[in-house]
C-alpha atoms as a PDB file:
ATOM      1  CA  UNK A   1     -42.845 -81.612   9.981  1.00  0.00           C
ATOM      2  CA  UNK A   2     -40.907 -79.728   7.265  1.00  0.00           C
ATOM      3  CA  UNK A   3     -41.945 -76.206   6.415  1.00  0.00           C
ATOM      4  CA  UNK A   4     -41.020 -73.401   4.071  1.00  0.00           C
ATOM      5  CA  UNK A   5     -38.814 -70.746   5.626  1.00  0.00           C
ATOM      6  CA  UNK A   6     -40.050 -67.190   6.056  1.00  0.00           C
ATOM      7  CA  UNK A   7     -39.023 -64.780   3.313  1.00  0.00           C
ATOM      8  CA  UNK A   8     -35.266 -64.210   3.269  1.00  0.00           C
ATOM      9  CA  UNK A   9     -34.613 -66.666   6.087  1.00  0.00           C
ATOM     10  CA  UNK A  10     -32.390 -68.934   4.050  1.00  0.00           C
ATOM     11  CA  UNK A  11     -30.336 -66.197   2.428  1.00  0.00           C
ATOM     12  CA  UNK A  12     -29.988 -63.707   5.247  1.00  0.00           C
ATOM     13  CA  UNK A  13     -29.053 -66.267   7.891  1.00  0.00           C
ATOM     14  CA  UNK A  14     -26.811 -69.258   7.322  1.00  0.00           C
ATOM     15  CA  UNK A  15     -26.529 -72.333   9.519  1.00  0.00           C
ATOM     16  CA  UNK A  16     -23.570 -70.709  11.313  1.00  0.00           C
ATOM     17  CA  UNK A  17     -25.688 -67.708  12.281  1.00  0.00           C
ATOM     18  CA  UNK A  18     -23.902 -65.308   9.923  1.00  0.00           C
ATOM     19  CA  UNK A  19     -25.586 -63.064   7.382  1.00  0.00           C
ATOM     20  CA  UNK A  20     -25.412 -63.897   3.713  1.00  0.00           C
ATOM     21  CA  UNK A  21     -22.651 -61.937   1.996  1.00  0.00           C
ATOM     22  CA  UNK A  22     -24.709 -61.080  -1.106  1.00  0.00           C
ATOM     23  CA  UNK A  23     -27.564 -58.875  -0.012  1.00  0.00           C
ATOM     24  CA  UNK A  24     -27.667 -55.711   2.056  1.00  0.00           C
ATOM     25  CA  UNK A  25     -31.338 -56.149   2.917  1.00  0.00           C
ATOM     26  CA  UNK A  26     -34.163 -58.629   2.566  1.00  0.00           C
ATOM     27  CA  UNK A  27     -35.506 -58.763  -0.981  1.00  0.00           C
ATOM     28  CA  UNK A  28     -39.335 -58.608  -1.112  1.00  0.00           C
ATOM     29  CA  UNK A  29     -41.111 -61.325  -3.081  1.00  0.00           C
ATOM     30  CA  UNK A  30     -42.654 -58.666  -5.344  1.00  0.00           C
ATOM     31  CA  UNK A  31     -39.159 -57.644  -6.497  1.00  0.00           C
ATOM     32  CA  UNK A  32     -38.194 -61.271  -7.168  1.00  0.00           C
ATOM     33  CA  UNK A  33     -41.402 -61.801  -9.156  1.00  0.00           C
ATOM     34  CA  UNK A  34     -40.822 -58.576 -11.088  1.00  0.00           C
ATOM     35  CA  UNK A  35     -37.273 -59.660 -12.015  1.00  0.00           C
ATOM     36  CA  UNK A  36     -38.530 -63.084 -13.130  1.00  0.00           C
ATOM     37  CA  UNK A  37     -41.158 -61.484 -15.380  1.00  0.00           C
ATOM     38  CA  UNK A  38     -38.307 -60.057 -17.490  1.00  0.00           C
ATOM     39  CA  UNK A  39     -37.209 -63.659 -18.099  1.00  0.00           C
ATOM     40  CA  UNK A  40     -40.734 -64.563 -19.265  1.00  0.00           C
ATOM     41  CA  UNK A  41     -41.840 -66.277 -16.029  1.00  0.00           C
ATOM     42  CA  UNK A  42     -45.264 -65.484 -14.581  1.00  0.00           C
ATOM     43  CA  UNK A  43     -43.992 -65.489 -10.977  1.00  0.00           C
ATOM     44  CA  UNK A  44     -41.845 -67.456  -8.567  1.00  0.00           C
ATOM     45  CA  UNK A  45     -44.498 -70.197  -8.604  1.00  0.00           C
ATOM     46  CA  UNK A  46     -44.092 -70.740 -12.373  1.00  0.00           C
ATOM     47  CA  UNK A  47     -42.920 -74.354 -12.714  1.00  0.00           C
ATOM     48  CA  UNK A  48     -42.188 -74.192 -16.431  1.00  0.00           C
ATOM     49  CA  UNK A  49     -39.083 -76.105 -17.568  1.00  0.00           C
ATOM     50  CA  UNK A  50     -36.384 -73.999 -19.248  1.00  0.00           C
ATOM     51  CA  UNK A  51     -32.827 -74.252 -20.578  1.00  0.00           C
ATOM     52  CA  UNK A  52     -29.909 -71.835 -20.766  1.00  0.00           C
ATOM     53  CA  UNK A  53     -30.987 -70.978 -24.326  1.00  0.00           C
ATOM     54  CA  UNK A  54     -34.200 -69.494 -22.868  1.00  0.00           C
ATOM     55  CA  UNK A  55     -32.264 -67.002 -20.691  1.00  0.00           C
ATOM     56  CA  UNK A  56     -31.472 -64.036 -22.921  1.00  0.00           C
ATOM     57  CA  UNK A  57     -29.249 -61.288 -21.468  1.00  0.00           C
ATOM     58  CA  UNK A  58     -31.103 -58.530 -23.336  1.00  0.00           C
ATOM     59  CA  UNK A  59     -34.382 -59.603 -21.695  1.00  0.00           C
ATOM     60  CA  UNK A  60     -32.890 -59.363 -18.200  1.00  0.00           C
ATOM     61  CA  UNK A  61     -31.313 -55.875 -18.358  1.00  0.00           C
ATOM     62  CA  UNK A  62     -34.262 -54.175 -16.624  1.00  0.00           C
ATOM     63  CA  UNK A  63     -34.362 -56.970 -14.045  1.00  0.00           C
ATOM     64  CA  UNK A  64     -30.776 -56.189 -13.084  1.00  0.00           C
ATOM     65  CA  UNK A  65     -31.678 -52.559 -12.440  1.00  0.00           C
ATOM     66  CA  UNK A  66     -34.405 -53.459  -9.937  1.00  0.00           C
ATOM     67  CA  UNK A  67     -32.167 -56.029  -8.183  1.00  0.00           C
ATOM     68  CA  UNK A  68     -29.142 -53.755  -7.768  1.00  0.00           C
ATOM     69  CA  UNK A  69     -30.321 -51.890  -4.603  1.00  0.00           C
ATOM     70  CA  UNK A  70     -30.569 -55.177  -2.690  1.00  0.00           C
ATOM     71  CA  UNK A  71     -27.054 -56.412  -3.443  1.00  0.00           C
ATOM     72  CA  UNK A  72     -24.023 -55.352  -1.436  1.00  0.00           C
ATOM     73  CA  UNK A  73     -22.129 -52.970  -3.807  1.00  0.00           C
ATOM     74  CA  UNK A  74     -19.088 -55.212  -4.324  1.00  0.00           C
ATOM     75  CA  UNK A  75     -21.349 -58.199  -5.089  1.00  0.00           C
ATOM     76  CA  UNK A  76     -23.501 -56.126  -7.444  1.00  0.00           C
ATOM     77  CA  UNK A  77     -20.325 -55.214  -9.307  1.00  0.00           C
ATOM     78  CA  UNK A  78     -19.353 -58.886  -9.543  1.00  0.00           C
ATOM     79  CA  UNK A  79     -22.727 -60.372 -10.541  1.00  0.00           C
ATOM     80  CA  UNK A  80     -24.767 -57.577 -12.143  1.00  0.00           C
ATOM     81  CA  UNK A  81     -22.218 -55.577 -14.152  1.00  0.00           C
ATOM     82  CA  UNK A  82     -20.041 -56.557 -17.067  1.00  0.00           C
ATOM     83  CA  UNK A  83     -20.892 -58.975 -19.827  1.00  0.00           C
ATOM     84  CA  UNK A  84     -24.136 -60.741 -18.987  1.00  0.00           C
ATOM     85  CA  UNK A  85     -24.299 -64.354 -20.144  1.00  0.00           C
ATOM     86  CA  UNK A  86     -26.915 -67.057 -19.724  1.00  0.00           C
ATOM     87  CA  UNK A  87     -24.749 -68.698 -17.055  1.00  0.00           C
ATOM     88  CA  UNK A  88     -24.477 -65.440 -15.120  1.00  0.00           C
ATOM     89  CA  UNK A  89     -28.249 -64.923 -15.330  1.00  0.00           C
ATOM     90  CA  UNK A  90     -28.739 -68.448 -13.986  1.00  0.00           C
ATOM     91  CA  UNK A  91     -26.464 -67.599 -11.036  1.00  0.00           C
ATOM     92  CA  UNK A  92     -28.414 -64.415 -10.247  1.00  0.00           C
ATOM     93  CA  UNK A  93     -31.721 -66.293 -10.510  1.00  0.00           C
ATOM     94  CA  UNK A  94     -30.443 -68.946  -8.070  1.00  0.00           C
ATOM     95  CA  UNK A  95     -29.372 -66.196  -5.648  1.00  0.00           C
ATOM     96  CA  UNK A  96     -32.679 -64.326  -5.684  1.00  0.00           C
ATOM     97  CA  UNK A  97     -34.757 -67.523  -5.497  1.00  0.00           C
ATOM     98  CA  UNK A  98     -32.824 -68.576  -2.394  1.00  0.00           C
ATOM     99  CA  UNK A  99     -34.013 -65.404  -0.609  1.00  0.00           C
ATOM    100  CA  UNK A 100     -37.582 -66.691  -0.906  1.00  0.00           C
ATOM    101  CA  UNK A 101     -36.926 -70.335  -0.002  1.00  0.00           C
ATOM    102  CA  UNK A 102     -36.894 -71.495  -3.628  1.00  0.00           C
ATOM    103  CA  UNK A 103     -34.222 -73.083  -5.772  1.00  0.00           C
ATOM    104  CA  UNK A 104     -33.566 -74.492  -9.211  1.00  0.00           C
ATOM    105  CA  UNK A 105     -33.916 -78.195  -9.841  1.00  0.00           C
ATOM    106  CA  UNK A 106     -31.895 -79.377 -12.819  1.00  0.00           C
ATOM    107  CA  UNK A 107     -32.143 -82.512 -14.907  1.00  0.00           C
ATOM    108  CA  UNK A 108     -29.912 -83.605 -17.762  1.00  0.00           C
ATOM    109  CA  UNK A 109     -31.766 -84.653 -20.895  1.00  0.00           C
ATOM    110  CA  UNK A 110     -30.538 -86.007 -24.206  1.00  0.00           C
ATOM    111  CA  UNK A 111     -32.367 -84.589 -27.202  1.00  0.00           C
ATOM    112  CA  UNK A 112     -31.324 -85.655 -30.708  1.00  0.00           C
ATOM    113  CA  UNK A 113     -28.078 -87.068 -29.311  1.00  0.00           C
ATOM    114  CA  UNK A 114     -27.160 -83.802 -27.573  1.00  0.00           C
ATOM    115  CA  UNK A 115     -27.121 -83.439 -23.779  1.00  0.00           C
ATOM    116  CA  UNK A 116     -28.552 -80.319 -22.184  1.00  0.00           C
ATOM    117  CA  UNK A 117     -29.674 -79.283 -18.726  1.00  0.00           C
ATOM    118  CA  UNK A 118     -33.296 -78.449 -18.077  1.00  0.00           C
ATOM    119  CA  UNK A 119     -34.180 -76.306 -15.053  1.00  0.00           C
ATOM    120  CA  UNK A 120     -37.316 -75.750 -13.011  1.00  0.00           C
ATOM    121  CA  UNK A 121     -38.098 -73.401 -10.109  1.00  0.00           C
ATOM    122  CA  UNK A 122     -39.093 -75.375  -7.018  1.00  0.00           C
ATOM    123  CA  UNK A 123     -39.622 -74.564  -3.330  1.00  0.00           C
ATOM    124  CA  UNK A 124     -37.010 -75.787  -0.866  1.00  0.00           C
ATOM    125  CA  UNK A 125     -38.183 -77.512   2.300  1.00  0.00           C
ATOM    126  CA  UNK A 126     -36.466 -76.967   5.623  1.00  0.00           C
ATOM    127  CA  UNK A 127     -36.722 -79.741   8.204  1.00  0.00           C
ATOM    128  CA  UNK A 128     -37.515 -79.098  11.853  1.00  0.00           C
ATOM    129  CA  UNK A 129     -34.401 -77.535  13.411  1.00  0.00           C
ATOM    130  CA  UNK A 130     -32.519 -77.960  10.136  1.00  0.00           C
ATOM    131  CA  UNK A 131     -31.074 -74.961   8.317  1.00  0.00           C
ATOM    132  CA  UNK A 132     -30.099 -76.998   5.269  1.00  0.00           C
ATOM    133  CA  UNK A 133     -32.728 -76.849   2.552  1.00  0.00           C
ATOM    134  CA  UNK A 134     -33.676 -79.700   0.266  1.00  0.00           C
ATOM    135  CA  UNK A 135     -35.601 -79.222  -2.948  1.00  0.00           C
ATOM    136  CA  UNK A 136     -39.100 -80.559  -3.336  1.00  0.00           C
ATOM    137  CA  UNK A 137     -39.032 -83.022  -6.204  1.00  0.00           C
ATOM    138  CA  UNK A 138     -41.528 -82.181  -8.937  1.00  0.00           C
ATOM    139  CA  UNK A 139     -41.575 -84.385 -12.022  1.00  0.00           C
ATOM    140  CA  UNK A 140     -40.692 -82.819 -15.348  1.00  0.00           C
ATOM    141  CA  UNK A 141     -43.416 -83.337 -17.907  1.00  0.00           C
END
């Protein structure tokens, strides 16, 4: 029977038994939720659909400050400093969600003849004895 991993299990330990090279310590769920609030999410369980246009770098500046102590210094320099773009925010969100057994599900949609990706936070399920997560499929509304 598949189950959700304990907090930080998927990011701190890979299938080869090595630690993740991003974080110096396990990130508490409260910190992840606090960072997501800056991006206008209620919590990690918020299943609202969003696009890259919804991720504004100015909104996430305070979120970066609370995430910095958990990143290894060289990775913090790479991902948290410098010009923050929507794509970079999406990368950081994927990284912090992975620490809690969550991921981003994406779906391409065509609106008025223009293609864009829509994202949604979803829990990842780990199979019995399997360290490879798969996303739970939740329908976009």
